[in-house]
């Protein structure tokens, strides 16, 4: 089961995908599964959320698939860099 909505303003597809797994999938595993399902490259995918119902093996993955890596870098926030420790 999957759902895919186009967002032309931000040049991306907003997707929901159900993945069956014995344990919670990592972000890398979820990204690979979304890339296989929607036939896209992993470097253009952002995983927003991985959730499940208690006691089930089905995980709902919410992902964003950008049209290009450049668009992704412009829109997605960059992780903060750690400050150098004072000596």
C-alpha atoms as a PDB file:
ATOM      1  CA  UNK A   1       0.000   0.000   0.000  1.00  0.00           C
ATOM      2  CA  UNK A   2       1.423   3.363  -0.974  1.00  0.00           C
ATOM      3  CA  UNK A   3       0.312   6.932  -1.496  1.00  0.00           C
ATOM      4  CA  UNK A   4       2.127   9.557  -3.581  1.00  0.00           C
ATOM      5  CA  UNK A   5       1.225  13.254  -3.856  1.00  0.00           C
ATOM      6  CA  UNK A   6       3.031  15.780  -6.070  1.00  0.00           C
ATOM      7  CA  UNK A   7       4.072  19.131  -4.550  1.00  0.00           C
ATOM      8  CA  UNK A   8       5.041  21.379  -7.474  1.00  0.00           C
ATOM      9  CA  UNK A   9       5.877  24.349  -5.256  1.00  0.00           C
ATOM     10  CA  UNK A  10       8.749  22.491  -3.566  1.00  0.00           C
ATOM     11  CA  UNK A  11       9.605  20.193  -6.512  1.00  0.00           C
ATOM     12  CA  UNK A  12       9.013  16.954  -4.649  1.00  0.00           C
ATOM     13  CA  UNK A  13       6.688  13.994  -4.142  1.00  0.00           C
ATOM     14  CA  UNK A  14       5.273  13.383  -0.656  1.00  0.00           C
ATOM     15  CA  UNK A  15       4.889   9.638  -0.128  1.00  0.00           C
ATOM     16  CA  UNK A  16       3.502   7.217   2.419  1.00  0.00           C
ATOM     17  CA  UNK A  17       4.560   3.595   2.250  1.00  0.00           C
ATOM     18  CA  UNK A  18       3.850   0.536   4.424  1.00  0.00           C
ATOM     19  CA  UNK A  19       6.823  -1.757   5.072  1.00  0.00           C
ATOM     20  CA  UNK A  20       6.530  -5.144   6.783  1.00  0.00           C
ATOM     21  CA  UNK A  21       9.489  -5.986   8.996  1.00  0.00           C
ATOM     22  CA  UNK A  22      10.178  -7.956  12.197  1.00  0.00           C
ATOM     23  CA  UNK A  23      11.979  -5.004  13.790  1.00  0.00           C
ATOM     24  CA  UNK A  24      11.930  -1.271  13.309  1.00  0.00           C
ATOM     25  CA  UNK A  25      13.762  -0.421  10.065  1.00  0.00           C
ATOM     26  CA  UNK A  26      16.652   2.016  10.190  1.00  0.00           C
ATOM     27  CA  UNK A  27      16.492   5.249   8.224  1.00  0.00           C
ATOM     28  CA  UNK A  28      18.925   3.792   5.671  1.00  0.00           C
ATOM     29  CA  UNK A  29      16.802   0.638   5.251  1.00  0.00           C
ATOM     30  CA  UNK A  30      13.626   2.711   4.955  1.00  0.00           C
ATOM     31  CA  UNK A  31      15.278   4.959   2.373  1.00  0.00           C
ATOM     32  CA  UNK A  32      16.344   1.919   0.332  1.00  0.00           C
ATOM     33  CA  UNK A  33      12.810   0.479   0.488  1.00  0.00           C
ATOM     34  CA  UNK A  34      11.265   3.774  -0.650  1.00  0.00           C
ATOM     35  CA  UNK A  35      13.817   4.009  -3.491  1.00  0.00           C
ATOM     36  CA  UNK A  36      12.836   0.514  -4.683  1.00  0.00           C
ATOM     37  CA  UNK A  37       9.089   1.152  -4.372  1.00  0.00           C
ATOM     38  CA  UNK A  38       9.025   4.523  -6.139  1.00  0.00           C
ATOM     39  CA  UNK A  39      12.006   3.924  -8.484  1.00  0.00           C
ATOM     40  CA  UNK A  40      14.166   6.848  -7.433  1.00  0.00           C
ATOM     41  CA  UNK A  41      17.702   7.478  -6.186  1.00  0.00           C
ATOM     42  CA  UNK A  42      18.433   7.290  -2.453  1.00  0.00           C
ATOM     43  CA  UNK A  43      20.299  10.609  -2.325  1.00  0.00           C
ATOM     44  CA  UNK A  44      17.066  12.462  -3.236  1.00  0.00           C
ATOM     45  CA  UNK A  45      14.989  10.851  -0.446  1.00  0.00           C
ATOM     46  CA  UNK A  46      14.290  12.297   3.012  1.00  0.00           C
ATOM     47  CA  UNK A  47      12.599  10.075   5.596  1.00  0.00           C
ATOM     48  CA  UNK A  48      10.257  12.183   7.735  1.00  0.00           C
ATOM     49  CA  UNK A  49       8.699   9.562   9.991  1.00  0.00           C
ATOM     50  CA  UNK A  50       8.694   5.825  10.733  1.00  0.00           C
ATOM     51  CA  UNK A  51       5.795   4.663  12.902  1.00  0.00           C
ATOM     52  CA  UNK A  52       3.773   1.545  13.672  1.00  0.00           C
ATOM     53  CA  UNK A  53       0.874   0.257  15.724  1.00  0.00           C
ATOM     54  CA  UNK A  54       1.898  -1.595  18.869  1.00  0.00           C
ATOM     55  CA  UNK A  55       2.070  -5.348  18.270  1.00  0.00           C
ATOM     56  CA  UNK A  56       2.180  -5.255  14.476  1.00  0.00           C
ATOM     57  CA  UNK A  57       4.994  -5.775  11.986  1.00  0.00           C
ATOM     58  CA  UNK A  58       3.771  -3.079   9.591  1.00  0.00           C
ATOM     59  CA  UNK A  59       5.605   0.256   9.648  1.00  0.00           C
ATOM     60  CA  UNK A  60       4.268   3.432   8.042  1.00  0.00           C
ATOM     61  CA  UNK A  61       7.072   5.395   6.397  1.00  0.00           C
ATOM     62  CA  UNK A  62       6.516   9.031   5.428  1.00  0.00           C
ATOM     63  CA  UNK A  63       9.095  10.184   2.885  1.00  0.00           C
ATOM     64  CA  UNK A  64       9.862  13.095   0.584  1.00  0.00           C
ATOM     65  CA  UNK A  65      11.338  12.428  -2.859  1.00  0.00           C
ATOM     66  CA  UNK A  66      12.912  15.498  -4.460  1.00  0.00           C
ATOM     67  CA  UNK A  67      13.335  16.006  -8.205  1.00  0.00           C
ATOM     68  CA  UNK A  68      17.098  16.532  -7.805  1.00  0.00           C
ATOM     69  CA  UNK A  69      19.789  16.606  -5.132  1.00  0.00           C
ATOM     70  CA  UNK A  70      20.245  20.361  -5.634  1.00  0.00           C
ATOM     71  CA  UNK A  71      16.610  21.074  -4.809  1.00  0.00           C
ATOM     72  CA  UNK A  72      16.891  18.883  -1.712  1.00  0.00           C
ATOM     73  CA  UNK A  73      19.949  20.822  -0.472  1.00  0.00           C
ATOM     74  CA  UNK A  74      18.157  24.156  -0.956  1.00  0.00           C
ATOM     75  CA  UNK A  75      14.997  23.156   0.929  1.00  0.00           C
ATOM     76  CA  UNK A  76      16.011  20.702   3.647  1.00  0.00           C
ATOM     77  CA  UNK A  77      17.668  22.077   6.795  1.00  0.00           C
ATOM     78  CA  UNK A  78      21.295  21.222   7.269  1.00  0.00           C
ATOM     79  CA  UNK A  79      22.391  19.522  10.503  1.00  0.00           C
ATOM     80  CA  UNK A  80      24.063  21.824  12.993  1.00  0.00           C
ATOM     81  CA  UNK A  81      27.803  21.510  13.325  1.00  0.00           C
ATOM     82  CA  UNK A  82      29.284  20.888  16.736  1.00  0.00           C
ATOM     83  CA  UNK A  83      31.301  23.724  18.221  1.00  0.00           C
ATOM     84  CA  UNK A  84      34.965  23.096  18.802  1.00  0.00           C
ATOM     85  CA  UNK A  85      35.615  22.234  22.417  1.00  0.00           C
ATOM     86  CA  UNK A  86      37.368  24.950  24.420  1.00  0.00           C
ATOM     87  CA  UNK A  87      40.929  24.066  25.394  1.00  0.00           C
END
